[in-house]
Amino acid sequence: MRLEPVAPGSRVHLPDAAAGPPPGVPPKADAVARVRKLGERIDELQDALYAEGRRALLVVLQGRDTSGKDGAVRRVFGPLDPLGIVITSFKVPTPLELAHDYLWRVHQAVPPKGTIGVFNRSHYEDVLVVRVHELVPEPVWRARYEQINQFEHILSENGVTILKFFLHISREEQRERLLARLEDPTKYWKFSAGDLGERERWDEYTAAYEEALERTSTAVAPWHVVPADRKYVRDLLVAQVVVDALERMAPQYPGPPDGLENFRATLR
């Protein structure tokens, strides 16, 4: 079972039915075990990537409230060496960030060479929330699709491999997850009244996501639509794509230092 990227120029439809497990999904226990093995492989490849120090991997996670961005970060990337991974969670822009162009804060968070960077939400908020809430005029946010494509192309040409995931959940699954937060005292802190207001704009967000995925899935920065109603399916699909990308990158450990035998002789 492999998740195919959104082909550049193709149409995207996000019905609730597409959020369920696709055909060929293994049983939950098998999937969880597979995620664990994939995590070990990511850790091995990350170690080589860090030692090589020439390229980076950027993983972008987008999705509606409760779609599981935090969970995906924890289960897929949790085992990795903290030295080689940078997690950035984008919140409402600060006054300083608003004083710059919308990509300013994003560019600062791009992972340095040798690391894996994960964006929990991202620059795509500026064609999603901004669009749905009409925070800027339509000509402004529409121009951003091509600006984002150009930005990501620049990153790609400078050694950053980009993977983008839309974690797709159904409206009913979101309702159940929001309700679960209100029924478990240890999850009260996760609930925000604003989540209900955003939920009322379900159709508007669907249209915004569909167009964003259509306009910004490119050969160098493809989108993957992840069926996310089942958390173990979400984690498995994301982990597989990440491993495939790292194996294509094939990071290599540096060769021996000049004077290797002399160093060995000295230490012996």
Protein backbone atom coordinates (compact mmCIF):
# COMPACT_ATOMS: atom_id res chain seq x y z
CA MET A 1 0.00 0.00 0.00
CA ARG A 2 1.51 3.28 -1.12
CA LEU A 3 0.15 6.83 -1.14
CA GLU A 4 0.46 8.49 -4.55
CA PRO A 5 1.06 12.25 -4.73
CA VAL A 6 -1.42 14.65 -6.29
CA ALA A 7 -0.38 14.92 -9.93
CA PRO A 8 0.46 18.49 -10.99
CA GLY A 9 -2.49 20.09 -12.74
CA SER A 10 -5.01 17.46 -11.63
CA ARG A 11 -8.35 18.14 -9.99
CA VAL A 12 -8.77 17.44 -6.27
CA HIS A 13 -11.98 16.42 -4.54
CA LEU A 14 -12.19 15.93 -0.78
CA PRO A 15 -15.41 14.06 0.02
CA ASP A 16 -15.85 12.68 3.51
CA ALA A 17 -15.79 9.13 2.15
CA ALA A 18 -12.16 9.59 1.09
CA ALA A 19 -11.12 10.08 4.72
CA GLY A 20 -11.70 6.42 5.58
CA PRO A 21 -9.10 3.64 5.32
CA PRO A 22 -8.23 2.79 1.71
CA PRO A 23 -8.20 -0.79 0.36
CA GLY A 24 -5.26 -2.90 1.42
CA VAL A 25 -4.77 -1.39 4.87
CA PRO A 26 -3.33 -3.98 7.27
CA PRO A 27 -4.91 -4.68 10.68
CA LYS A 28 -4.22 -2.05 13.31
CA ALA A 29 -1.65 -4.10 15.24
CA ASP A 30 0.30 -4.84 12.07
CA ALA A 31 0.16 -1.19 10.99
CA VAL A 32 1.42 0.04 14.37
CA ALA A 33 4.30 -2.44 14.22
CA ARG A 34 5.09 -1.32 10.69
CA VAL A 35 5.16 2.35 11.76
CA ARG A 36 7.64 1.41 14.46
CA LYS A 37 9.92 -0.29 11.92
CA LEU A 38 9.60 2.63 9.52
CA GLY A 39 10.50 4.98 12.36
CA GLU A 40 13.70 3.00 12.93
CA ARG A 41 14.51 3.32 9.23
CA ILE A 42 13.85 7.09 9.30
CA ASP A 43 16.20 7.32 12.28
CA GLU A 44 18.96 5.50 10.35
CA LEU A 45 18.54 7.73 7.30
CA GLN A 46 18.36 10.87 9.41
CA ASP A 47 21.67 9.97 11.03
CA ALA A 48 23.32 9.72 7.60
CA LEU A 49 21.62 12.93 6.46
CA TYR A 50 22.96 14.77 9.51
CA ALA A 51 26.47 13.40 9.03
CA GLU A 52 26.40 14.28 5.32
CA GLY A 53 25.32 17.84 6.12
CA ARG A 54 24.52 18.89 2.55
CA ARG A 55 20.75 18.57 2.16
CA ALA A 56 17.53 18.82 4.16
CA LEU A 57 14.05 17.33 4.17
CA LEU A 58 11.01 19.54 4.83
CA VAL A 59 7.71 17.87 5.79
CA VAL A 60 4.60 20.08 5.73
CA LEU A 61 1.55 18.90 7.69
CA GLN A 62 -1.78 20.60 7.04
CA GLY A 63 -5.28 19.62 8.06
CA ARG A 64 -8.44 20.70 9.80
CA ASP A 65 -8.69 20.94 13.57
CA THR A 66 -8.28 17.46 15.17
CA SER A 67 -6.91 15.95 11.95
CA GLY A 68 -3.89 14.63 13.84
CA LYS A 69 -0.95 16.83 12.98
CA ASP A 70 0.47 16.61 16.50
CA GLY A 71 -0.13 12.86 16.60
CA ALA A 72 1.66 12.32 13.29
CA VAL A 73 4.64 14.32 14.54
CA ARG A 74 4.78 12.29 17.75
CA ARG A 75 4.40 8.82 16.21
CA VAL A 76 6.34 9.21 12.97
CA PHE A 77 9.13 11.55 14.08
CA GLY A 78 9.16 11.03 17.85
CA PRO A 79 11.96 8.43 17.90
CA LEU A 80 14.42 10.63 16.01
CA ASP A 81 17.57 12.20 17.46
CA PRO A 82 16.60 15.77 18.51
CA LEU A 83 19.85 17.06 17.03
CA GLY A 84 18.66 16.30 13.53
CA ILE A 85 15.03 17.40 13.56
CA VAL A 86 13.35 20.78 13.86
CA ILE A 87 9.61 21.03 14.55
CA THR A 88 7.90 24.36 13.86
CA SER A 89 4.29 25.02 14.84
CA PHE A 90 2.87 28.07 13.10
CA LYS A 91 0.37 30.04 15.16
CA VAL A 92 -1.39 33.36 14.56
CA PRO A 93 1.29 35.76 13.26
CA THR A 94 2.89 38.06 15.80
CA PRO A 95 3.02 41.85 15.26
CA LEU A 96 6.65 41.48 14.14
CA GLU A 97 5.72 38.77 11.64
CA LEU A 98 2.83 40.84 10.31
CA ALA A 99 5.25 43.69 9.70
CA HIS A 100 6.99 41.51 7.08
CA ASP A 101 5.79 39.60 4.04
CA TYR A 102 3.88 36.41 4.83
CA LEU A 103 6.78 34.12 3.84
CA TRP A 104 9.32 35.87 6.10
CA ARG A 105 8.66 33.76 9.17
CA VAL A 106 8.44 30.61 7.06
CA HIS A 107 11.81 31.06 5.41
CA GLN A 108 13.44 31.47 8.82
CA ALA A 109 12.03 28.08 9.86
CA VAL A 110 13.27 26.13 6.83
CA PRO A 111 15.41 23.27 8.16
CA PRO A 112 19.17 23.76 7.91
CA LYS A 113 21.29 21.35 5.90
CA GLY A 114 21.59 17.94 7.51
CA THR A 115 18.21 18.06 9.25
CA ILE A 116 14.59 17.09 8.86
CA GLY A 117 12.14 19.94 9.42
CA VAL A 118 8.44 19.46 10.15
CA PHE A 119 5.94 22.28 9.76
CA ASN A 120 2.82 21.82 11.90
CA ARG A 121 0.66 24.13 9.81
CA SER A 122 2.62 26.33 7.45
CA HIS A 123 2.64 29.10 4.85
CA TYR A 124 -0.51 27.50 3.45
CA GLU A 125 -2.52 29.18 6.19
CA ASP A 126 -2.12 32.29 4.03
CA VAL A 127 -4.29 30.77 1.29
CA LEU A 128 -6.62 28.93 3.69
CA VAL A 129 -7.57 30.81 6.87
CA VAL A 130 -6.83 34.12 5.17
CA ARG A 131 -9.15 33.18 2.32
CA VAL A 132 -12.00 31.75 4.40
CA HIS A 133 -12.02 34.66 6.85
CA GLU A 134 -11.47 37.26 4.12
CA LEU A 135 -8.47 38.76 5.92
CA VAL A 136 -7.03 40.12 2.68
CA PRO A 137 -8.62 40.86 -0.72
CA GLU A 138 -9.01 37.93 -3.11
CA PRO A 139 -6.41 39.20 -5.64
CA VAL A 140 -3.85 39.18 -2.81
CA TRP A 141 -4.34 35.58 -1.68
CA ARG A 142 -4.82 34.29 -5.24
CA ALA A 143 -1.39 35.63 -6.21
CA ARG A 144 0.12 33.61 -3.39
CA TYR A 145 -0.31 30.24 -5.11
CA GLU A 146 2.38 31.08 -7.65
CA GLN A 147 4.48 32.87 -5.05
CA ILE A 148 4.46 29.72 -2.91
CA ASN A 149 5.35 27.57 -5.91
CA GLN A 150 8.31 29.82 -6.66
CA PHE A 151 9.40 29.83 -3.01
CA GLU A 152 9.33 26.04 -2.84
CA HIS A 153 11.15 25.79 -6.16
CA ILE A 154 13.94 27.97 -4.74
CA LEU A 155 14.19 25.70 -1.70
CA SER A 156 14.34 22.63 -3.92
CA GLU A 157 17.14 24.11 -6.01
CA ASN A 158 19.06 24.71 -2.80
CA GLY A 159 19.01 21.15 -1.52
CA VAL A 160 15.67 20.97 0.34
CA THR A 161 13.43 18.03 -0.52
CA ILE A 162 9.78 18.93 0.20
CA LEU A 163 6.90 16.63 1.13
CA LYS A 164 3.44 18.04 1.84
CA PHE A 165 0.64 16.13 3.56
CA PHE A 166 -3.02 17.08 3.87
CA LEU A 167 -4.50 15.01 6.71
CA HIS A 168 -8.05 14.46 5.52
CA ILE A 169 -10.74 13.70 8.12
CA SER A 170 -14.50 13.52 7.74
CA ARG A 171 -16.92 15.90 9.41
CA GLU A 172 -18.31 13.11 11.60
CA GLU A 173 -14.85 12.04 12.75
CA GLN A 174 -14.02 15.63 13.68
CA ARG A 175 -17.25 15.85 15.69
CA GLU A 176 -16.29 12.72 17.62
CA ARG A 177 -12.78 13.97 18.32
CA LEU A 178 -13.98 17.37 19.51
CA LEU A 179 -16.54 15.70 21.75
CA ALA A 180 -13.84 13.40 23.15
CA ARG A 181 -11.91 16.47 24.26
CA LEU A 182 -14.93 17.62 26.25
CA GLU A 183 -15.44 14.24 27.91
CA ASP A 184 -11.87 13.66 29.09
CA PRO A 185 -10.49 16.03 31.76
CA THR A 186 -6.95 15.41 30.49
CA LYS A 187 -7.99 16.79 27.09
CA TYR A 188 -9.97 19.86 28.14
CA TRP A 189 -6.94 22.01 27.36
CA LYS A 190 -7.03 20.91 23.72
CA PHE A 191 -10.53 22.29 23.16
CA SER A 192 -11.14 25.81 21.92
CA ALA A 193 -14.53 27.38 21.39
CA GLY A 194 -13.12 28.73 18.16
CA ASP A 195 -12.97 25.16 16.83
CA LEU A 196 -16.76 25.16 16.61
CA GLY A 197 -16.77 28.39 14.64
CA GLU A 198 -14.25 26.96 12.18
CA ARG A 199 -16.36 23.82 11.90
CA GLU A 200 -19.29 25.93 10.72
CA ARG A 201 -17.14 26.93 7.74
CA TRP A 202 -16.56 23.31 6.67
CA ASP A 203 -17.56 23.80 3.03
CA GLU A 204 -15.53 26.98 2.68
CA TYR A 205 -12.44 25.22 3.99
CA THR A 206 -13.06 22.27 1.70
CA ALA A 207 -13.09 24.57 -1.33
CA ALA A 208 -9.97 26.36 -0.09
CA TYR A 209 -8.06 23.11 0.44
CA GLU A 210 -9.12 21.66 -2.89
CA GLU A 211 -7.90 24.68 -4.81
CA ALA A 212 -4.68 24.98 -2.80
CA LEU A 213 -3.81 21.34 -3.48
CA GLU A 214 -4.63 21.72 -7.16
CA ARG A 215 -2.60 24.89 -7.59
CA THR A 216 0.46 23.99 -5.53
CA SER A 217 1.15 20.29 -6.02
CA THR A 218 4.28 20.37 -8.15
CA ALA A 219 6.99 17.95 -9.22
CA VAL A 220 9.41 19.40 -6.65
CA ALA A 221 6.87 19.84 -3.83
CA PRO A 222 4.03 17.33 -4.18
CA TRP A 223 0.95 17.13 -1.99
CA HIS A 224 -0.24 13.81 -0.55
CA VAL A 225 -3.85 13.48 0.61
CA VAL A 226 -3.78 11.21 3.66
CA PRO A 227 -6.99 9.41 4.72
CA ALA A 228 -6.85 10.30 8.41
CA ASP A 229 -10.06 9.06 10.03
CA ARG A 230 -8.00 6.19 11.49
CA LYS A 231 -4.86 7.37 13.23
CA TYR A 232 -2.84 4.21 12.56
CA VAL A 233 -3.59 4.52 8.83
CA ARG A 234 -2.49 8.16 8.86
CA ASP A 235 0.77 7.34 10.60
CA LEU A 236 1.57 4.40 8.33
CA LEU A 237 0.98 6.31 5.11
CA VAL A 238 2.99 9.35 6.20
CA ALA A 239 5.88 7.21 7.46
CA GLN A 240 6.05 5.25 4.21
CA VAL A 241 6.23 8.38 2.06
CA VAL A 242 8.95 9.86 4.31
CA VAL A 243 11.05 6.69 4.13
CA ASP A 244 10.65 6.50 0.36
CA ALA A 245 11.78 10.12 0.00
CA LEU A 246 14.82 9.67 2.25
CA GLU A 247 15.84 6.51 0.45
CA ARG A 248 15.68 8.35 -2.87
CA MET A 249 17.85 11.06 -1.34
CA ALA A 250 20.26 8.28 -0.29
CA PRO A 251 22.33 10.32 2.20
CA GLN A 252 25.89 9.12 2.57
CA TYR A 253 28.27 9.19 5.50
CA PRO A 254 31.42 11.22 4.77
CA GLY A 255 34.57 9.28 3.88
CA PRO A 256 37.59 8.89 6.16
CA PRO A 257 39.55 11.98 7.22
CA ASP A 258 42.91 12.70 5.60
CA GLY A 259 45.62 11.08 7.65
CA LEU A 260 43.37 8.32 8.99
CA GLU A 261 46.16 5.82 9.58
CA ASN A 262 48.29 8.39 11.39
CA PHE A 263 45.38 9.25 13.70
CA ARG A 264 44.81 5.56 14.40
CA ALA A 265 48.49 5.01 15.13
CA THR A 266 48.55 7.97 17.53
CA LEU A 267 45.52 6.74 19.46
CA ARG A 268 46.79 3.17 19.62
